[in-house]
Amino acid sequence: MIKNVKKVACDKTEAFKLMGTYFWLIDKQKNALRWWNKSIQEGERLGARLELSRSYFEIGKRLTEPKSRHSELKGKKAEEFLEMARAIFEELDLQWDLDDLDRIIAYR
């Protein structure tokens, strides 16, 4: 996947987010944080608001998990990532994503 994503810039933000999620799920949290940081950098560089908002959401969601050994990424706490995700979800009128975010917040 990463080999192919080098050719298609518009997919980098999501591919990096997915790599982060993969590493998180196999309990390599430090690697996950590196990939998520790449996702944020690429999303900001490309102006990929949709993918960036979903990266923020994924990071915020994972950092709030009980098994998380990390409480922040690049100086931002989970709650900040969830707030940034919410702002973009509202701006883009992404109701499904907003509902998912509300469900995660209510569960915590």
C-alpha atoms as a PDB file:
ATOM      1  CA  MET A   1       0.000   0.000   0.000  1.00  0.00           C
ATOM      2  CA  ILE A   2       2.734   2.477   0.942  1.00  0.00           C
ATOM      3  CA  LYS A   3       4.601   1.741  -2.314  1.00  0.00           C
ATOM      4  CA  ASN A   4       1.543   2.697  -4.342  1.00  0.00           C
ATOM      5  CA  VAL A   5       0.654   5.710  -2.238  1.00  0.00           C
ATOM      6  CA  LYS A   6       3.908   7.418  -3.232  1.00  0.00           C
ATOM      7  CA  LYS A   7       2.414   7.716  -6.708  1.00  0.00           C
ATOM      8  CA  VAL A   8      -0.960   9.094  -5.565  1.00  0.00           C
ATOM      9  CA  ALA A   9      -0.544  12.082  -3.258  1.00  0.00           C
ATOM     10  CA  CYS A  10      -4.254  12.448  -2.513  1.00  0.00           C
ATOM     11  CA  ASP A  11      -4.317   9.067  -0.766  1.00  0.00           C
ATOM     12  CA  LYS A  12      -1.278   9.603   1.454  1.00  0.00           C
ATOM     13  CA  THR A  13      -3.143  11.126   4.383  1.00  0.00           C
ATOM     14  CA  GLU A  14      -5.516   8.191   4.669  1.00  0.00           C
ATOM     15  CA  ALA A  15      -2.839   5.566   3.987  1.00  0.00           C
ATOM     16  CA  PHE A  16      -0.655   6.976   6.751  1.00  0.00           C
ATOM     17  CA  LYS A  17      -3.657   7.050   9.113  1.00  0.00           C
ATOM     18  CA  LEU A  18      -4.392   3.407   8.325  1.00  0.00           C
ATOM     19  CA  MET A  19      -0.762   2.435   8.926  1.00  0.00           C
ATOM     20  CA  GLY A  20      -0.976   4.143  12.303  1.00  0.00           C
ATOM     21  CA  THR A  21      -4.133   2.249  13.148  1.00  0.00           C
ATOM     22  CA  TYR A  22      -2.515  -1.028  12.086  1.00  0.00           C
ATOM     23  CA  PHE A  23       0.478  -0.456  14.345  1.00  0.00           C
ATOM     24  CA  TRP A  24      -1.803   0.583  17.201  1.00  0.00           C
ATOM     25  CA  LEU A  25      -3.821  -2.611  16.873  1.00  0.00           C
ATOM     26  CA  ILE A  26      -0.702  -4.795  16.962  1.00  0.00           C
ATOM     27  CA  ASP A  27       0.383  -2.903  20.094  1.00  0.00           C
ATOM     28  CA  LYS A  28       3.230  -0.928  18.552  1.00  0.00           C
ATOM     29  CA  GLN A  29       1.939   2.392  19.769  1.00  0.00           C
ATOM     30  CA  LYS A  30       5.124   4.373  19.214  1.00  0.00           C
ATOM     31  CA  ASN A  31       5.135   3.380  15.538  1.00  0.00           C
ATOM     32  CA  ALA A  32       1.448   4.255  15.332  1.00  0.00           C
ATOM     33  CA  LEU A  33       2.146   7.762  16.611  1.00  0.00           C
ATOM     34  CA  ARG A  34       4.842   8.234  13.959  1.00  0.00           C
ATOM     35  CA  TRP A  35       2.470   7.213  11.168  1.00  0.00           C
ATOM     36  CA  TRP A  36      -0.323   9.400  12.506  1.00  0.00           C
ATOM     37  CA  ASN A  37       2.053  12.335  12.675  1.00  0.00           C
ATOM     38  CA  LYS A  38       2.896  11.738   9.001  1.00  0.00           C
ATOM     39  CA  SER A  39      -0.823  11.624   8.242  1.00  0.00           C
ATOM     40  CA  ILE A  40      -1.355  15.003   9.902  1.00  0.00           C
ATOM     41  CA  GLN A  41       1.616  16.581   8.144  1.00  0.00           C
ATOM     42  CA  GLU A  42       0.502  15.299   4.757  1.00  0.00           C
ATOM     43  CA  GLY A  43      -3.136  16.243   5.299  1.00  0.00           C
ATOM     44  CA  GLU A  44      -2.159  19.780   6.274  1.00  0.00           C
ATOM     45  CA  ARG A  45       0.245  20.067   3.347  1.00  0.00           C
ATOM     46  CA  LEU A  46      -2.373  18.893   0.846  1.00  0.00           C
ATOM     47  CA  GLY A  47      -5.305  20.687   2.455  1.00  0.00           C
ATOM     48  CA  ALA A  48      -7.082  17.322   2.656  1.00  0.00           C
ATOM     49  CA  ARG A  49      -9.672  18.409   5.239  1.00  0.00           C
ATOM     50  CA  LEU A  50     -11.833  15.280   5.116  1.00  0.00           C
ATOM     51  CA  GLU A  51      -8.939  12.854   5.565  1.00  0.00           C
ATOM     52  CA  LEU A  52      -7.273  15.132   8.104  1.00  0.00           C
ATOM     53  CA  SER A  53     -10.443  15.295  10.215  1.00  0.00           C
ATOM     54  CA  ARG A  54     -10.676  11.521  10.233  1.00  0.00           C
ATOM     55  CA  SER A  55      -7.017  11.250  11.224  1.00  0.00           C
ATOM     56  CA  TYR A  56      -7.653  13.631  14.121  1.00  0.00           C
ATOM     57  CA  PHE A  57     -10.626  11.504  15.151  1.00  0.00           C
ATOM     58  CA  GLU A  58      -8.672   8.249  14.990  1.00  0.00           C
ATOM     59  CA  ILE A  59      -5.821   9.689  17.048  1.00  0.00           C
ATOM     60  CA  GLY A  60      -8.164  11.153  19.660  1.00  0.00           C
ATOM     61  CA  LYS A  61     -10.137   7.934  19.870  1.00  0.00           C
ATOM     62  CA  ARG A  62      -7.061   5.731  20.303  1.00  0.00           C
ATOM     63  CA  LEU A  63      -5.333   7.987  22.831  1.00  0.00           C
ATOM     64  CA  THR A  64      -8.394   7.761  25.097  1.00  0.00           C
ATOM     65  CA  GLU A  65      -8.387   3.961  25.131  1.00  0.00           C
ATOM     66  CA  PRO A  66      -7.587   2.336  28.483  1.00  0.00           C
ATOM     67  CA  LYS A  67      -4.691   0.416  26.899  1.00  0.00           C
ATOM     68  CA  SER A  68      -3.058   3.602  25.600  1.00  0.00           C
ATOM     69  CA  ARG A  69       0.449   4.150  26.924  1.00  0.00           C
ATOM     70  CA  HIS A  70       0.465   7.669  25.478  1.00  0.00           C
ATOM     71  CA  SER A  71      -1.657  10.662  26.363  1.00  0.00           C
ATOM     72  CA  GLU A  72      -0.636  13.041  23.584  1.00  0.00           C
ATOM     73  CA  LEU A  73       0.916  13.422  20.149  1.00  0.00           C
ATOM     74  CA  LYS A  74       3.156  16.396  19.432  1.00  0.00           C
ATOM     75  CA  GLY A  75       1.937  18.219  22.532  1.00  0.00           C
ATOM     76  CA  LYS A  76      -1.774  17.760  21.816  1.00  0.00           C
ATOM     77  CA  LYS A  77      -3.981  15.642  24.063  1.00  0.00           C
ATOM     78  CA  ALA A  78      -6.717  13.298  22.872  1.00  0.00           C
ATOM     79  CA  GLU A  79      -9.448  15.823  23.661  1.00  0.00           C
ATOM     80  CA  GLU A  80      -7.802  18.417  21.416  1.00  0.00           C
ATOM     81  CA  PHE A  81      -7.733  15.978  18.508  1.00  0.00           C
ATOM     82  CA  LEU A  82     -11.394  15.150  19.055  1.00  0.00           C
ATOM     83  CA  GLU A  83     -12.258  18.871  19.158  1.00  0.00           C
ATOM     84  CA  MET A  84     -10.342  19.505  15.920  1.00  0.00           C
ATOM     85  CA  ALA A  85     -12.122  16.553  14.295  1.00  0.00           C
ATOM     86  CA  ARG A  86     -15.507  17.872  15.454  1.00  0.00           C
ATOM     87  CA  ALA A  87     -14.819  21.345  14.040  1.00  0.00           C
ATOM     88  CA  ILE A  88     -14.056  19.963  10.586  1.00  0.00           C
ATOM     89  CA  PHE A  89     -16.903  17.420  10.710  1.00  0.00           C
ATOM     90  CA  GLU A  90     -19.314  20.285  11.446  1.00  0.00           C
ATOM     91  CA  GLU A  91     -17.780  22.506   8.783  1.00  0.00           C
ATOM     92  CA  LEU A  92     -18.117  19.749   6.160  1.00  0.00           C
ATOM     93  CA  ASP A  93     -21.536  18.659   7.502  1.00  0.00           C
ATOM     94  CA  LEU A  94     -20.393  15.070   8.084  1.00  0.00           C
ATOM     95  CA  GLN A  95     -23.286  13.829  10.194  1.00  0.00           C
ATOM     96  CA  TRP A  96     -22.217  10.169  10.259  1.00  0.00           C
ATOM     97  CA  ASP A  97     -18.772  11.166  11.536  1.00  0.00           C
ATOM     98  CA  LEU A  98     -20.318  13.513  14.117  1.00  0.00           C
ATOM     99  CA  ASP A  99     -22.566  10.712  15.363  1.00  0.00           C
ATOM    100  CA  ASP A 100     -19.561   8.397  15.644  1.00  0.00           C
ATOM    101  CA  LEU A 101     -17.631  11.072  17.540  1.00  0.00           C
ATOM    102  CA  ASP A 102     -20.542  11.651  19.939  1.00  0.00           C
ATOM    103  CA  ARG A 103     -20.778   7.902  20.544  1.00  0.00           C
ATOM    104  CA  ILE A 104     -17.067   7.691  21.405  1.00  0.00           C
ATOM    105  CA  ILE A 105     -17.272  10.694  23.748  1.00  0.00           C
ATOM    106  CA  ALA A 106     -20.369   9.298  25.494  1.00  0.00           C
ATOM    107  CA  TYR A 107     -18.653   5.934  25.949  1.00  0.00           C
ATOM    108  CA  ARG A 108     -15.634   7.463  27.725  1.00  0.00           C
END
